[in-house]
């Protein structure tokens, strides 16, 4: 998955309702995570490798919720 597509699939921040985006280091090994642009909350950090898509993993981790979602708008 490309970062632009991944950003479109991210839910809003579960803490403040802010916009989330995929972030990535650009030095090997590349690390990928999702983070809130308002309160700086982050998902787990995933390392890229040939066996999995770190971007997909970061999106899945960010979008996982353990509670009933509440409309924060």
PDB file of N, CA and C in Angstrom:
ATOM      1  N   UNK A   1       0.851  -1.178   0.000  1.00  0.00           N
ATOM      2  CA  UNK A   1       0.000   0.000   0.000  1.00  0.00           C
ATOM      3  C   UNK A   1       0.893   1.236   0.000  1.00  0.00           C
ATOM      4  N   UNK A   2       0.534   2.219  -0.774  1.00  0.00           N
ATOM      5  CA  UNK A   2       1.282   3.474  -0.809  1.00  0.00           C
ATOM      6  C   UNK A   2       0.834   4.367   0.340  1.00  0.00           C
ATOM      7  N   UNK A   3       1.690   5.284   0.741  1.00  0.00           N
ATOM      8  CA  UNK A   3       1.389   6.142   1.885  1.00  0.00           C
ATOM      9  C   UNK A   3       0.144   6.987   1.645  1.00  0.00           C
ATOM     10  N   UNK A   4      -0.036   7.550   0.446  1.00  0.00           N
ATOM     11  CA  UNK A   4      -1.227   8.369   0.180  1.00  0.00           C
ATOM     12  C   UNK A   4      -2.503   7.565   0.368  1.00  0.00           C
ATOM     13  N   UNK A   5      -2.518   6.328  -0.127  1.00  0.00           N
ATOM     14  CA  UNK A   5      -3.685   5.465   0.041  1.00  0.00           C
ATOM     15  C   UNK A   5      -3.883   5.104   1.508  1.00  0.00           C
ATOM     16  N   UNK A   6      -2.781   4.860   2.205  1.00  0.00           N
ATOM     17  CA  UNK A   6      -2.860   4.503   3.618  1.00  0.00           C
ATOM     18  C   UNK A   6      -3.441   5.647   4.434  1.00  0.00           C
ATOM     19  N   UNK A   7      -3.002   6.878   4.165  1.00  0.00           N
ATOM     20  CA  UNK A   7      -3.526   8.032   4.907  1.00  0.00           C
ATOM     21  C   UNK A   7      -5.028   8.158   4.730  1.00  0.00           C
ATOM     22  N   UNK A   8      -5.533   7.851   3.541  1.00  0.00           N
ATOM     23  CA  UNK A   8      -6.973   7.939   3.277  1.00  0.00           C
ATOM     24  C   UNK A   8      -7.744   6.885   4.072  1.00  0.00           C
ATOM     25  N   UNK A   9      -7.067   5.792   4.454  1.00  0.00           N
ATOM     26  CA  UNK A   9      -7.735   4.710   5.177  1.00  0.00           C
ATOM     27  C   UNK A   9      -7.639   4.830   6.699  1.00  0.00           C
ATOM     28  N   UNK A  10      -6.933   5.829   7.196  1.00  0.00           N
ATOM     29  CA  UNK A  10      -6.769   5.965   8.646  1.00  0.00           C
ATOM     30  C   UNK A  10      -7.994   6.597   9.298  1.00  0.00           C
ATOM     31  N   UNK A  11      -8.373   6.053  10.439  1.00  0.00           N
ATOM     32  CA  UNK A  11      -9.439   6.662  11.243  1.00  0.00           C
ATOM     33  C   UNK A  11      -8.871   7.891  11.957  1.00  0.00           C
ATOM     34  N   UNK A  12      -9.764   8.719  12.476  1.00  0.00           N
ATOM     35  CA  UNK A  12      -9.316   9.867  13.262  1.00  0.00           C
ATOM     36  C   UNK A  12      -8.708   9.380  14.575  1.00  0.00           C
ATOM     37  N   UNK A  13      -8.025  10.265  15.259  1.00  0.00           N
ATOM     38  CA  UNK A  13      -7.363   9.925  16.516  1.00  0.00           C
ATOM     39  C   UNK A  13      -8.397   9.509  17.569  1.00  0.00           C
ATOM     40  N   UNK A  14      -8.144   8.395  18.262  1.00  0.00           N
ATOM     41  CA  UNK A  14      -9.086   7.953  19.294  1.00  0.00           C
ATOM     42  C   UNK A  14      -9.039   8.819  20.552  1.00  0.00           C
ATOM     43  N   UNK A  15      -8.044   9.675  20.677  1.00  0.00           N
ATOM     44  CA  UNK A  15      -7.895  10.499  21.874  1.00  0.00           C
ATOM     45  C   UNK A  15      -8.436  11.913  21.700  1.00  0.00           C
ATOM     46  N   UNK A  16      -8.155  12.526  20.536  1.00  0.00           N
ATOM     47  CA  UNK A  16      -8.564  13.925  20.360  1.00  0.00           C
ATOM     48  C   UNK A  16      -9.426  14.157  19.119  1.00  0.00           C
ATOM     49  N   UNK A  17      -9.571  13.129  18.266  1.00  0.00           N
ATOM     50  CA  UNK A  17     -10.363  13.295  17.050  1.00  0.00           C
ATOM     51  C   UNK A  17      -9.601  13.942  15.911  1.00  0.00           C
ATOM     52  N   UNK A  18      -8.299  14.153  16.107  1.00  0.00           N
ATOM     53  CA  UNK A  18      -7.473  14.793  15.086  1.00  0.00           C
ATOM     54  C   UNK A  18      -7.203  13.896  13.891  1.00  0.00           C
ATOM     55  N   UNK A  19      -6.612  14.487  12.857  1.00  0.00           N
ATOM     56  CA  UNK A  19      -6.273  13.765  11.635  1.00  0.00           C
ATOM     57  C   UNK A  19      -5.006  12.947  11.865  1.00  0.00           C
ATOM     58  N   UNK A  20      -5.018  11.727  11.366  1.00  0.00           N
ATOM     59  CA  UNK A  20      -3.852  10.855  11.482  1.00  0.00           C
ATOM     60  C   UNK A  20      -3.150  10.751  10.138  1.00  0.00           C
ATOM     61  N   UNK A  21      -1.854  10.443  10.190  1.00  0.00           N
ATOM     62  CA  UNK A  21      -1.106  10.230   8.964  1.00  0.00           C
ATOM     63  C   UNK A  21      -0.018   9.196   9.199  1.00  0.00           C
ATOM     64  N   UNK A  22       0.396   8.563   8.093  1.00  0.00           N
ATOM     65  CA  UNK A  22       1.503   7.610   8.158  1.00  0.00           C
ATOM     66  C   UNK A  22       2.809   8.384   8.175  1.00  0.00           C
ATOM     67  N   UNK A  23       3.720   7.947   9.043  1.00  0.00           N
ATOM     68  CA  UNK A  23       5.039   8.560   9.135  1.00  0.00           C
ATOM     69  C   UNK A  23       6.076   7.471   8.902  1.00  0.00           C
ATOM     70  N   UNK A  24       7.228   7.861   8.336  1.00  0.00           N
ATOM     71  CA  UNK A  24       8.231   6.871   7.975  1.00  0.00           C
ATOM     72  C   UNK A  24       9.624   7.461   8.064  1.00  0.00           C
ATOM     73  N   UNK A  25      10.561   6.664   8.576  1.00  0.00           N
ATOM     74  CA  UNK A  25      11.966   7.067   8.500  1.00  0.00           C
ATOM     75  C   UNK A  25      12.472   6.705   7.110  1.00  0.00           C
ATOM     76  N   UNK A  26      13.499   7.358   6.663  1.00  0.00           N
ATOM     77  CA  UNK A  26      14.019   7.094   5.322  1.00  0.00           C
ATOM     78  C   UNK A  26      15.452   6.595   5.337  1.00  0.00           C
ATOM     79  N   UNK A  27      15.838   5.986   6.452  1.00  0.00           N
ATOM     80  CA  UNK A  27      17.141   5.344   6.543  1.00  0.00           C
ATOM     81  C   UNK A  27      16.914   3.883   6.910  1.00  0.00           C
ATOM     82  N   UNK A  28      17.640   2.976   6.293  1.00  0.00           N
ATOM     83  CA  UNK A  28      17.439   1.549   6.562  1.00  0.00           C
ATOM     84  C   UNK A  28      17.807   1.213   8.001  1.00  0.00           C
ATOM     85  N   UNK A  29      17.131   0.295   8.642  1.00  0.00           N
ATOM     86  CA  UNK A  29      15.872  -0.268   8.159  1.00  0.00           C
ATOM     87  C   UNK A  29      14.756   0.749   8.362  1.00  0.00           C
ATOM     88  N   UNK A  30      13.918   0.922   7.361  1.00  0.00           N
ATOM     89  CA  UNK A  30      12.844   1.915   7.434  1.00  0.00           C
ATOM     90  C   UNK A  30      11.825   1.510   8.493  1.00  0.00           C
ATOM     91  N   UNK A  31      11.392   2.483   9.251  1.00  0.00           N
ATOM     92  CA  UNK A  31      10.379   2.261  10.279  1.00  0.00           C
ATOM     93  C   UNK A  31       9.134   3.048   9.900  1.00  0.00           C
ATOM     94  N   UNK A  32       7.963   2.468  10.156  1.00  0.00           N
ATOM     95  CA  UNK A  32       6.690   3.060   9.754  1.00  0.00           C
ATOM     96  C   UNK A  32       5.745   3.034  10.943  1.00  0.00           C
ATOM     97  N   UNK A  33       4.975   4.114  11.119  1.00  0.00           N
ATOM     98  CA  UNK A  33       3.966   4.174  12.166  1.00  0.00           C
ATOM     99  C   UNK A  33       2.890   5.163  11.748  1.00  0.00           C
ATOM    100  N   UNK A  34       1.775   5.134  12.446  1.00  0.00           N
ATOM    101  CA  UNK A  34       0.710   6.116  12.240  1.00  0.00           C
ATOM    102  C   UNK A  34       0.720   7.038  13.443  1.00  0.00           C
ATOM    103  N   UNK A  35       0.412   8.306  13.203  1.00  0.00           N
ATOM    104  CA  UNK A  35       0.407   9.258  14.299  1.00  0.00           C
ATOM    105  C   UNK A  35      -0.588  10.374  14.078  1.00  0.00           C
ATOM    106  N   UNK A  36      -1.046  10.945  15.180  1.00  0.00           N
ATOM    107  CA  UNK A  36      -1.995  12.057  15.140  1.00  0.00           C
ATOM    108  C   UNK A  36      -1.243  13.364  14.889  1.00  0.00           C
ATOM    109  N   UNK A  37      -1.774  14.184  14.010  1.00  0.00           N
ATOM    110  CA  UNK A  37      -1.145  15.467  13.715  1.00  0.00           C
ATOM    111  C   UNK A  37      -1.481  16.521  14.773  1.00  0.00           C
ATOM    112  N   UNK A  38      -2.454  16.249  15.643  1.00  0.00           N
ATOM    113  CA  UNK A  38      -2.842  17.219  16.666  1.00  0.00           C
ATOM    114  C   UNK A  38      -2.199  16.925  18.024  1.00  0.00           C
ATOM    115  N   UNK A  39      -2.358  15.705  18.533  1.00  0.00           N
ATOM    116  CA  UNK A  39      -1.886  15.416  19.895  1.00  0.00           C
ATOM    117  C   UNK A  39      -0.641  14.529  19.938  1.00  0.00           C
ATOM    118  N   UNK A  40      -0.135  14.122  18.778  1.00  0.00           N
ATOM    119  CA  UNK A  40       1.083  13.314  18.665  1.00  0.00           C
ATOM    120  C   UNK A  40       0.967  11.896  19.209  1.00  0.00           C
ATOM    121  N   UNK A  41      -0.257  11.381  19.379  1.00  0.00           N
ATOM    122  CA  UNK A  41      -0.421   9.968  19.722  1.00  0.00           C
ATOM    123  C   UNK A  41       0.106   9.145  18.556  1.00  0.00           C
ATOM    124  N   UNK A  42       0.665   7.962  18.842  1.00  0.00           N
ATOM    125  CA  UNK A  42       1.216   7.125  17.787  1.00  0.00           C
ATOM    126  C   UNK A  42       0.797   5.668  17.954  1.00  0.00           C
ATOM    127  N   UNK A  43       0.867   4.949  16.850  1.00  0.00           N
ATOM    128  CA  UNK A  43       0.674   3.501  16.878  1.00  0.00           C
ATOM    129  C   UNK A  43       2.012   2.859  17.238  1.00  0.00           C
ATOM    130  N   UNK A  44       2.030   1.554  17.242  1.00  0.00           N
ATOM    131  CA  UNK A  44       3.293   0.832  17.350  1.00  0.00           C
ATOM    132  C   UNK A  44       4.134   1.157  16.115  1.00  0.00           C
ATOM    133  N   UNK A  45       5.428   0.936  16.217  1.00  0.00           N
ATOM    134  CA  UNK A  45       6.347   1.175  15.103  1.00  0.00           C
ATOM    135  C   UNK A  45       6.659  -0.163  14.443  1.00  0.00           C
ATOM    136  N   UNK A  46       6.601  -0.187  13.118  1.00  0.00           N
ATOM    137  CA  UNK A  46       6.848  -1.409  12.359  1.00  0.00           C
ATOM    138  C   UNK A  46       8.056  -1.216  11.456  1.00  0.00           C
ATOM    139  N   UNK A  47       8.866  -2.251  11.343  1.00  0.00           N
ATOM    140  CA  UNK A  47      10.047  -2.220  10.494  1.00  0.00           C
ATOM    141  C   UNK A  47       9.726  -2.899   9.169  1.00  0.00           C
ATOM    142  N   UNK A  48      10.125  -2.268   8.087  1.00  0.00           N
ATOM    143  CA  UNK A  48       9.869  -2.855   6.772  1.00  0.00           C
ATOM    144  C   UNK A  48      10.738  -4.094   6.577  1.00  0.00           C
ATOM    145  N   UNK A  49      10.158  -5.095   5.914  1.00  0.00           N
ATOM    146  CA  UNK A  49      10.911  -6.291   5.545  1.00  0.00           C
ATOM    147  C   UNK A  49      10.231  -6.941   4.343  1.00  0.00           C
ATOM    148  N   UNK A  50      10.808  -7.987   3.841  1.00  0.00           N
ATOM    149  CA  UNK A  50      10.273  -8.613   2.626  1.00  0.00           C
ATOM    150  C   UNK A  50       9.053  -9.476   2.905  1.00  0.00           C
ATOM    151  N   UNK A  51       8.735  -9.732   4.162  1.00  0.00           N
ATOM    152  CA  UNK A  51       7.646 -10.643   4.493  1.00  0.00           C
ATOM    153  C   UNK A  51       6.311  -9.964   4.787  1.00  0.00           C
ATOM    154  N   UNK A  52       6.333  -8.694   5.074  1.00  0.00           N
ATOM    155  CA  UNK A  52       5.076  -8.019   5.408  1.00  0.00           C
ATOM    156  C   UNK A  52       5.124  -6.565   4.961  1.00  0.00           C
ATOM    157  N   UNK A  53       3.968  -5.964   4.905  1.00  0.00           N
ATOM    158  CA  UNK A  53       3.887  -4.550   4.563  1.00  0.00           C
ATOM    159  C   UNK A  53       3.767  -3.745   5.854  1.00  0.00           C
ATOM    160  N   UNK A  54       4.805  -3.042   6.193  1.00  0.00           N
ATOM    161  CA  UNK A  54       4.811  -2.252   7.420  1.00  0.00           C
ATOM    162  C   UNK A  54       3.745  -1.160   7.371  1.00  0.00           C
ATOM    163  N   UNK A  55       3.473  -0.626   6.190  1.00  0.00           N
ATOM    164  CA  UNK A  55       2.441   0.410   6.082  1.00  0.00           C
ATOM    165  C   UNK A  55       1.073  -0.181   6.425  1.00  0.00           C
ATOM    166  N   UNK A  56       0.756  -1.345   5.875  1.00  0.00           N
ATOM    167  CA  UNK A  56      -0.516  -2.004   6.206  1.00  0.00           C
ATOM    168  C   UNK A  56      -0.596  -2.314   7.694  1.00  0.00           C
ATOM    169  N   UNK A  57       0.510  -2.770   8.276  1.00  0.00           N
ATOM    170  CA  UNK A  57       0.534  -3.077   9.704  1.00  0.00           C
ATOM    171  C   UNK A  57       0.273  -1.836  10.545  1.00  0.00           C
ATOM    172  N   UNK A  58       0.863  -0.709  10.159  1.00  0.00           N
ATOM    173  CA  UNK A  58       0.660   0.541  10.897  1.00  0.00           C
ATOM    174  C   UNK A  58      -0.791   1.010  10.793  1.00  0.00           C
ATOM    175  N   UNK A  59      -1.379   0.902   9.601  1.00  0.00           N
ATOM    176  CA  UNK A  59      -2.793   1.282   9.421  1.00  0.00           C
ATOM    177  C   UNK A  59      -3.677   0.384  10.287  1.00  0.00           C
ATOM    178  N   UNK A  60      -3.447  -0.917  10.246  1.00  0.00           N
ATOM    179  CA  UNK A  60      -4.254  -1.850  11.043  1.00  0.00           C
ATOM    180  C   UNK A  60      -4.130  -1.557  12.534  1.00  0.00           C
ATOM    181  N   UNK A  61      -2.905  -1.282  12.992  1.00  0.00           N
ATOM    182  CA  UNK A  61      -2.700  -0.983  14.414  1.00  0.00           C
ATOM    183  C   UNK A  61      -3.411   0.307  14.814  1.00  0.00           C
ATOM    184  N   UNK A  62      -3.311   1.343  13.979  1.00  0.00           N
ATOM    185  CA  UNK A  62      -3.946   2.619  14.297  1.00  0.00           C
ATOM    186  C   UNK A  62      -5.470   2.497  14.309  1.00  0.00           C
ATOM    187  N   UNK A  63      -6.005   1.770  13.353  1.00  0.00           N
ATOM    188  CA  UNK A  63      -7.464   1.679  13.223  1.00  0.00           C
ATOM    189  C   UNK A  63      -8.109   0.706  14.203  1.00  0.00           C
ATOM    190  N   UNK A  64      -7.329  -0.112  14.890  1.00  0.00           N
ATOM    191  CA  UNK A  64      -7.879  -1.067  15.856  1.00  0.00           C
ATOM    192  C   UNK A  64      -8.400  -0.301  17.069  1.00  0.00           C
ATOM    193  N   UNK A  65      -9.649  -0.588  17.421  1.00  0.00           N
ATOM    194  CA  UNK A  65     -10.265   0.054  18.588  1.00  0.00           C
ATOM    195  C   UNK A  65     -10.817  -1.021  19.509  1.00  0.00           C
ATOM    196  N   UNK A  66     -10.676  -0.826  20.811  1.00  0.00           N
ATOM    197  CA  UNK A  66     -11.161  -1.787  21.787  1.00  0.00           C
ATOM    198  C   UNK A  66     -12.389  -1.283  22.535  1.00  0.00           C
ATOM    199  N   UNK A  67     -13.080  -0.334  21.960  1.00  0.00           N
ATOM    200  CA  UNK A  67     -14.252   0.243  22.604  1.00  0.00           C
ATOM    201  C   UNK A  67     -15.281   0.579  21.535  1.00  0.00           C
ATOM    202  N   UNK A  68     -16.488   0.889  21.966  1.00  0.00           N
ATOM    203  CA  UNK A  68     -17.505   1.344  21.012  1.00  0.00           C
ATOM    204  C   UNK A  68     -17.158   2.765  20.592  1.00  0.00           C
ATOM    205  N   UNK A  69     -17.075   2.985  19.286  1.00  0.00           N
ATOM    206  CA  UNK A  69     -16.673   4.291  18.793  1.00  0.00           C
ATOM    207  C   UNK A  69     -17.762   5.337  19.060  1.00  0.00           C
ATOM    208  N   UNK A  70     -17.308   6.539  19.401  1.00  0.00           N
ATOM    209  CA  UNK A  70     -18.189   7.659  19.692  1.00  0.00           C
ATOM    210  C   UNK A  70     -17.907   8.744  18.662  1.00  0.00           C
ATOM    211  N   UNK A  71     -18.957   9.365  18.141  1.00  0.00           N
ATOM    212  CA  UNK A  71     -18.777  10.450  17.183  1.00  0.00           C
ATOM    213  C   UNK A  71     -18.187  11.650  17.900  1.00  0.00           C
ATOM    214  N   UNK A  72     -16.972  12.058  17.522  1.00  0.00           N
ATOM    215  CA  UNK A  72     -16.289  13.166  18.196  1.00  0.00           C
ATOM    216  C   UNK A  72     -16.396  14.466  17.427  1.00  0.00           C
ATOM    217  N   UNK A  73     -17.251  14.502  16.404  1.00  0.00           N
ATOM    218  CA  UNK A  73     -17.347  15.739  15.615  1.00  0.00           C
ATOM    219  C   UNK A  73     -18.338  16.707  16.192  1.00  0.00           C
TER     220      UNK A  73
END
